[in-house]
């Protein structure tokens, strides 16, 4: 049994390494903050300079690197798409839970939208809290997510924002997010 758990943990770590660049944090809401994409410099890109984050699951710590989010090639969907990229092994998220996440969001055409990894601490919010801190796509797409899991959400306009479009976008925009669930309180 212990060998199987170690093998699963190794797979999670290897998948995390294969999915991206570096680490950081956020306190800003993915529903309200836009950020410009990082510029490369002679000493490497900003993503390469950011350190991986640590996710603690059941006494074990896993390192996770910032994901590289690529724009989809298909036409934008009309319904929410939820895809697990890395399996989690911790508790499942449910309404009323306080979630702490790291995330990257891009416009469907690939333009930068928001990136918590570029800021100082992870983003925390109450799932199902109805506070307007997160969009309805996140409310629906993060339910049942496990601590340590990485999910890709493709959020069409009807699941984006209550009462308007995100900053710098139009109401017709589709957003692609990759979200890592760090902990549930």
Protein backbone atom coordinates (compact mmCIF):
# COMPACT_ATOMS: atom_id res chain seq x y z
CA UNK A 1 0.00 0.00 0.00
CA UNK A 2 2.83 2.40 0.93
CA UNK A 3 4.60 1.63 -2.35
CA UNK A 4 1.41 2.42 -4.30
CA UNK A 5 1.03 5.78 -2.50
CA UNK A 6 4.67 6.65 -3.21
CA UNK A 7 4.17 5.75 -6.89
CA UNK A 8 1.08 7.98 -7.08
CA UNK A 9 2.96 10.84 -5.40
CA UNK A 10 5.85 10.45 -7.84
CA UNK A 11 3.42 10.56 -10.79
CA UNK A 12 1.82 13.76 -9.44
CA UNK A 13 5.23 15.39 -9.06
CA UNK A 14 6.37 14.31 -12.54
CA UNK A 15 3.14 15.58 -14.10
CA UNK A 16 3.58 18.89 -12.27
CA UNK A 17 7.13 19.25 -13.57
CA UNK A 18 5.95 18.56 -17.09
CA UNK A 19 3.22 21.22 -16.97
CA UNK A 20 5.04 24.52 -16.54
CA UNK A 21 7.58 27.09 -15.33
CA UNK A 22 7.92 28.69 -11.77
CA UNK A 23 6.02 29.88 -8.59
CA UNK A 24 4.61 32.88 -6.67
CA UNK A 25 1.21 33.91 -5.30
CA UNK A 26 -1.96 36.10 -5.35
CA UNK A 27 -4.49 37.95 -3.32
CA UNK A 28 -6.28 39.53 -6.26
CA UNK A 29 -9.48 38.08 -7.63
CA UNK A 30 -9.42 36.32 -11.00
CA UNK A 31 -12.76 37.99 -11.66
CA UNK A 32 -11.47 41.51 -11.25
CA UNK A 33 -7.79 41.84 -12.04
CA UNK A 34 -6.00 41.87 -15.39
CA UNK A 35 -2.26 41.63 -15.73
CA UNK A 36 0.07 42.16 -18.64
CA UNK A 37 2.13 39.20 -19.77
CA UNK A 38 5.66 38.93 -18.43
CA UNK A 39 8.46 40.17 -20.63
CA UNK A 40 11.56 38.08 -21.25
CA UNK A 41 14.95 39.49 -20.35
CA UNK A 42 18.55 38.51 -20.94
CA UNK A 43 18.61 36.49 -17.70
CA UNK A 44 15.53 34.37 -18.63
CA UNK A 45 11.78 34.80 -18.63
CA UNK A 46 9.83 35.86 -15.54
CA UNK A 47 8.21 32.41 -15.42
CA UNK A 48 11.63 30.75 -15.27
CA UNK A 49 12.67 33.02 -12.37
CA UNK A 50 9.59 32.31 -10.24
CA UNK A 51 10.01 29.49 -7.74
CA UNK A 52 7.68 26.46 -7.68
CA UNK A 53 4.97 26.42 -5.02
CA UNK A 54 4.57 23.69 -2.42
CA UNK A 55 1.28 21.86 -1.89
CA UNK A 56 0.84 19.91 1.35
CA UNK A 57 -1.44 16.87 1.09
CA UNK A 58 -1.74 14.49 4.04
CA UNK A 59 1.67 15.31 5.49
CA UNK A 60 3.43 15.16 2.12
CA UNK A 61 4.66 18.18 0.21
CA UNK A 62 4.58 18.35 -3.59
CA UNK A 63 6.30 21.02 -5.68
CA UNK A 64 4.24 22.53 -8.48
CA UNK A 65 5.49 24.80 -11.25
CA UNK A 66 3.52 27.55 -12.97
CA UNK A 67 1.60 26.10 -15.92
CA UNK A 68 2.11 27.27 -19.47
CA UNK A 69 -1.40 27.90 -20.77
CA UNK A 70 -1.77 27.64 -24.53
CA UNK A 71 -4.77 28.92 -26.48
CA UNK A 72 -7.16 26.26 -27.80
CA UNK A 73 -7.27 25.59 -31.53
CA UNK A 74 -11.00 24.80 -31.74
CA UNK A 75 -13.76 27.43 -31.96
CA UNK A 76 -14.82 28.80 -28.54
CA UNK A 77 -17.31 26.50 -26.76
CA UNK A 78 -20.79 27.56 -25.73
CA UNK A 79 -20.70 25.58 -22.48
CA UNK A 80 -18.20 25.33 -19.62
CA UNK A 81 -15.35 22.84 -20.13
CA UNK A 82 -13.74 21.35 -17.00
CA UNK A 83 -10.68 19.13 -17.40
CA UNK A 84 -8.44 17.65 -14.70
CA UNK A 85 -4.79 18.00 -15.77
CA UNK A 86 -3.17 16.63 -12.59
CA UNK A 87 -5.09 14.45 -10.14
CA UNK A 88 -5.31 15.61 -6.55
CA UNK A 89 -5.31 13.35 -3.51
CA UNK A 90 -6.61 15.67 -0.81
CA UNK A 91 -10.07 16.70 0.35
CA UNK A 92 -12.79 17.59 -2.21
CA UNK A 93 -13.99 21.20 -2.52
CA UNK A 94 -17.65 21.85 -1.70
CA UNK A 95 -19.86 24.90 -1.16
CA UNK A 96 -18.91 26.77 2.00
CA UNK A 97 -15.23 25.72 1.86
CA UNK A 98 -12.52 28.37 1.84
CA UNK A 99 -10.27 27.50 -1.12
CA UNK A 100 -6.74 28.75 -1.69
CA UNK A 101 -5.58 28.55 -5.31
CA UNK A 102 -2.94 29.62 -7.80
CA UNK A 103 -4.18 30.30 -11.34
CA UNK A 104 -3.33 31.53 -14.82
CA UNK A 105 -6.00 32.95 -17.12
CA UNK A 106 -5.70 33.78 -20.81
CA UNK A 107 -8.13 35.06 -23.40
CA UNK A 108 -9.24 32.39 -25.85
CA UNK A 109 -6.97 33.89 -28.53
CA UNK A 110 -3.95 33.51 -26.22
CA UNK A 111 -3.61 37.05 -24.86
CA UNK A 112 -2.69 37.39 -21.19
CA UNK A 113 -5.61 38.03 -18.82
CA UNK A 114 -4.53 37.29 -15.22
CA UNK A 115 -1.83 35.35 -13.41
CA UNK A 116 -1.70 34.85 -9.64
CA UNK A 117 1.80 33.39 -9.92
CA UNK A 118 3.09 36.89 -10.75
CA UNK A 119 1.75 38.36 -7.50
CA UNK A 120 2.77 38.01 -3.86
CA UNK A 121 0.38 35.39 -2.40
CA UNK A 122 -2.26 32.82 -3.45
CA UNK A 123 -5.92 33.79 -3.87
CA UNK A 124 -8.44 32.60 -1.24
CA UNK A 125 -12.24 32.69 -1.46
CA UNK A 126 -15.35 30.88 -0.25
CA UNK A 127 -16.73 28.45 -2.82
CA UNK A 128 -20.46 29.06 -3.21
CA UNK A 129 -20.19 32.22 -1.13
CA UNK A 130 -22.08 34.32 -3.66
CA UNK A 131 -19.80 37.28 -2.91
CA UNK A 132 -19.08 37.96 -6.58
CA UNK A 133 -15.36 37.34 -5.99
CA UNK A 134 -15.27 34.56 -8.54
CA UNK A 135 -17.17 34.00 -11.74
CA UNK A 136 -19.96 31.41 -12.13
CA UNK A 137 -17.61 29.25 -14.24
CA UNK A 138 -15.28 28.89 -11.26
CA UNK A 139 -18.23 28.25 -8.89
CA UNK A 140 -19.31 25.32 -11.07
CA UNK A 141 -15.90 24.18 -12.34
CA UNK A 142 -14.07 23.98 -9.00
CA UNK A 143 -16.69 21.97 -7.08
CA UNK A 144 -15.38 18.49 -6.33
CA UNK A 145 -11.77 19.53 -7.03
CA UNK A 146 -9.25 17.82 -4.74
CA UNK A 147 -6.35 19.47 -2.91
CA UNK A 148 -3.30 19.09 -5.15
CA UNK A 149 -5.39 18.92 -8.33
CA UNK A 150 -4.78 21.12 -11.38
CA UNK A 151 -7.82 21.87 -13.53
CA UNK A 152 -8.27 23.60 -16.85
CA UNK A 153 -11.49 25.60 -17.17
CA UNK A 154 -12.68 27.00 -20.49
CA UNK A 155 -15.23 29.60 -19.45
CA UNK A 156 -17.57 31.00 -22.13
CA UNK A 157 -19.25 34.40 -21.63
CA UNK A 158 -22.44 33.02 -20.07
CA UNK A 159 -20.35 31.64 -17.15
CA UNK A 160 -18.03 34.61 -16.74
CA UNK A 161 -19.26 37.59 -14.82
CA UNK A 162 -22.40 38.70 -13.11
CA UNK A 163 -23.22 42.13 -14.47
CA UNK A 164 -20.51 42.66 -17.08
CA UNK A 165 -17.31 41.62 -18.74
CA UNK A 166 -13.87 41.29 -17.12
CA UNK A 167 -11.52 44.29 -17.31
CA UNK A 168 -10.02 44.73 -20.77
CA UNK A 169 -12.45 42.36 -22.47
CA UNK A 170 -15.79 42.34 -24.20
CA UNK A 171 -18.90 40.43 -23.03
CA UNK A 172 -18.28 37.93 -25.86
CA UNK A 173 -14.83 36.82 -24.58
CA UNK A 174 -14.09 33.23 -23.56
CA UNK A 175 -11.40 32.79 -20.89
CA UNK A 176 -9.14 29.76 -20.34
CA UNK A 177 -7.93 29.20 -16.76
CA UNK A 178 -5.56 26.66 -15.25
CA UNK A 179 -6.17 26.44 -11.50
CA UNK A 180 -4.15 24.62 -8.80
CA UNK A 181 -6.00 23.90 -5.54
CA UNK A 182 -3.47 24.42 -2.74
CA UNK A 183 -5.68 23.94 0.33
CA UNK A 184 -9.20 23.85 1.73
CA UNK A 185 -9.99 25.49 5.08
